[in-house]
């Protein structure tokens, strides 16, 4: 029904934002987990210089 279109657009926009935020949060935790595993035996000064992203 056409009169319901703004609610549907708003809901889909909010849904897209939530999916995007979940993706960013999971990417952040994957990045942290890899950094913790990689920099286990390295001092903290080199941790700032060696940022290895998954791509």
N, C-alpha and C. Protein backbone atom coordinates (compact mmCIF):
# COMPACT_ATOMS: atom_id res chain seq x y z
N UNK A 1 0.84 -1.19 0.00
CA UNK A 1 0.00 0.00 0.00
C UNK A 1 0.88 1.25 0.00
N UNK A 2 0.57 2.23 -0.81
CA UNK A 2 1.49 3.38 -0.95
C UNK A 2 1.61 4.23 0.31
N UNK A 3 0.56 4.29 1.12
CA UNK A 3 0.64 5.16 2.30
C UNK A 3 1.59 4.59 3.37
N UNK A 4 2.01 3.34 3.21
CA UNK A 4 2.94 2.76 4.17
C UNK A 4 4.39 2.90 3.71
N UNK A 5 4.62 3.56 2.61
CA UNK A 5 5.98 3.59 2.05
C UNK A 5 6.99 4.31 2.94
N UNK A 6 6.72 5.44 3.60
CA UNK A 6 7.76 6.06 4.45
C UNK A 6 8.20 5.16 5.60
N UNK A 7 7.27 4.42 6.18
CA UNK A 7 7.64 3.51 7.26
C UNK A 7 8.56 2.42 6.71
N UNK A 8 8.25 1.91 5.55
CA UNK A 8 9.08 0.87 4.97
C UNK A 8 10.47 1.40 4.61
N UNK A 9 10.54 2.60 4.09
CA UNK A 9 11.84 3.19 3.76
C UNK A 9 12.67 3.42 5.02
N UNK A 10 12.03 3.93 6.04
CA UNK A 10 12.77 4.17 7.28
C UNK A 10 13.24 2.88 7.90
N UNK A 11 12.39 1.88 7.88
CA UNK A 11 12.78 0.59 8.46
C UNK A 11 13.94 -0.03 7.67
N UNK A 12 13.88 0.04 6.35
CA UNK A 12 14.97 -0.53 5.56
C UNK A 12 16.27 0.25 5.76
N UNK A 13 16.17 1.56 5.91
CA UNK A 13 17.37 2.36 6.18
C UNK A 13 17.98 2.00 7.53
N UNK A 14 17.14 1.86 8.56
CA UNK A 14 17.64 1.48 9.88
C UNK A 14 18.24 0.07 9.84
N UNK A 15 17.60 -0.82 9.10
CA UNK A 15 18.12 -2.18 8.97
C UNK A 15 19.49 -2.17 8.29
N UNK A 16 19.64 -1.37 7.25
CA UNK A 16 20.93 -1.26 6.57
C UNK A 16 22.00 -0.70 7.50
N UNK A 17 21.67 0.31 8.28
CA UNK A 17 22.63 0.90 9.22
C UNK A 17 23.05 -0.13 10.27
N UNK A 18 22.10 -0.92 10.74
CA UNK A 18 22.44 -1.94 11.74
C UNK A 18 23.35 -3.02 11.16
N UNK A 19 23.08 -3.44 9.93
CA UNK A 19 23.95 -4.43 9.28
C UNK A 19 25.35 -3.86 9.08
N UNK A 20 25.43 -2.60 8.67
CA UNK A 20 26.73 -1.96 8.48
C UNK A 20 27.50 -1.87 9.80
N UNK A 21 26.82 -1.52 10.88
CA UNK A 21 27.48 -1.44 12.18
C UNK A 21 27.94 -2.82 12.66
N UNK A 22 27.15 -3.84 12.43
CA UNK A 22 27.56 -5.20 12.82
C UNK A 22 28.79 -5.62 12.03
N UNK A 23 28.81 -5.31 10.73
CA UNK A 23 29.98 -5.64 9.93
C UNK A 23 31.22 -4.93 10.45
N UNK A 24 31.10 -3.65 10.80
CA UNK A 24 32.26 -2.91 11.29
C UNK A 24 32.73 -3.44 12.64
N UNK A 25 31.80 -3.80 13.50
CA UNK A 25 32.19 -4.34 14.80
C UNK A 25 32.91 -5.67 14.63
N UNK A 26 32.41 -6.54 13.76
CA UNK A 26 33.06 -7.83 13.56
C UNK A 26 34.44 -7.64 12.91
N UNK A 27 34.54 -6.68 12.01
CA UNK A 27 35.83 -6.40 11.38
C UNK A 27 36.83 -5.89 12.42
N UNK A 28 36.37 -5.06 13.33
CA UNK A 28 37.23 -4.55 14.39
C UNK A 28 37.73 -5.68 15.28
N UNK A 29 36.86 -6.62 15.62
CA UNK A 29 37.30 -7.70 16.49
C UNK A 29 38.21 -8.68 15.77
N UNK A 30 37.98 -8.91 14.48
CA UNK A 30 38.91 -9.75 13.71
C UNK A 30 40.28 -9.08 13.66
N UNK A 31 40.30 -7.76 13.44
CA UNK A 31 41.56 -7.02 13.40
C UNK A 31 42.28 -7.09 14.74
N UNK A 32 41.55 -6.94 15.85
CA UNK A 32 42.17 -7.01 17.17
C UNK A 32 42.70 -8.40 17.47
N UNK A 33 41.96 -9.42 17.10
CA UNK A 33 42.38 -10.79 17.37
C UNK A 33 43.66 -11.12 16.59
N UNK A 34 43.72 -10.69 15.35
CA UNK A 34 44.94 -10.94 14.57
C UNK A 34 46.11 -10.15 15.13
N UNK A 35 45.86 -8.92 15.58
CA UNK A 35 46.94 -8.13 16.14
C UNK A 35 47.45 -8.72 17.44
N UNK A 36 46.56 -9.21 18.28
CA UNK A 36 46.98 -9.82 19.54
C UNK A 36 47.81 -11.07 19.26
N UNK A 37 47.38 -11.88 18.28
CA UNK A 37 48.13 -13.09 17.96
C UNK A 37 49.47 -12.75 17.32
N UNK A 38 49.49 -11.73 16.50
CA UNK A 38 50.74 -11.41 15.80
C UNK A 38 51.74 -10.77 16.76
N UNK A 39 51.27 -9.87 17.61
CA UNK A 39 52.16 -9.10 18.47
C UNK A 39 52.30 -9.70 19.86
N UNK A 40 52.22 -11.01 19.95
CA UNK A 40 52.34 -11.64 21.25
C UNK A 40 53.76 -11.49 21.80
N UNK A 41 54.75 -11.66 20.94
CA UNK A 41 56.14 -11.65 21.39
C UNK A 41 56.88 -10.38 20.98
N UNK A 42 56.14 -9.36 20.60
CA UNK A 42 56.76 -8.12 20.13
C UNK A 42 56.40 -7.02 21.10
N UNK A 43 57.31 -6.09 21.30
CA UNK A 43 57.02 -5.01 22.25
C UNK A 43 55.93 -4.09 21.73
N UNK A 44 55.43 -3.20 22.60
CA UNK A 44 54.25 -2.41 22.25
C UNK A 44 54.57 -1.25 21.32
N UNK A 45 55.83 -0.88 21.17
CA UNK A 45 56.16 0.20 20.24
C UNK A 45 55.97 -0.24 18.80
N UNK A 46 56.31 -1.49 18.50
CA UNK A 46 56.15 -1.95 17.12
C UNK A 46 54.72 -2.33 16.82
N UNK A 47 53.87 -2.45 17.86
CA UNK A 47 52.47 -2.76 17.60
C UNK A 47 51.78 -1.63 16.86
N UNK A 48 52.20 -0.38 17.11
CA UNK A 48 51.57 0.75 16.44
C UNK A 48 51.99 0.83 14.97
N UNK A 49 53.13 0.28 14.63
CA UNK A 49 53.63 0.40 13.27
C UNK A 49 53.23 -0.77 12.38
N UNK A 50 52.86 -1.90 12.97
CA UNK A 50 52.54 -3.09 12.18
C UNK A 50 51.05 -3.35 12.23
N UNK A 51 50.32 -2.66 11.37
CA UNK A 51 48.88 -2.87 11.29
C UNK A 51 48.60 -3.76 10.09
N UNK A 52 48.28 -5.01 10.34
CA UNK A 52 48.03 -5.96 9.26
C UNK A 52 46.53 -6.20 9.16
N UNK A 53 45.89 -5.55 8.20
CA UNK A 53 44.47 -5.76 7.98
C UNK A 53 44.27 -7.07 7.23
N UNK A 54 43.08 -7.61 7.31
CA UNK A 54 42.84 -8.92 6.72
C UNK A 54 42.78 -8.87 5.20
N UNK A 55 42.67 -7.69 4.60
CA UNK A 55 42.73 -7.61 3.16
C UNK A 55 44.04 -6.95 2.77
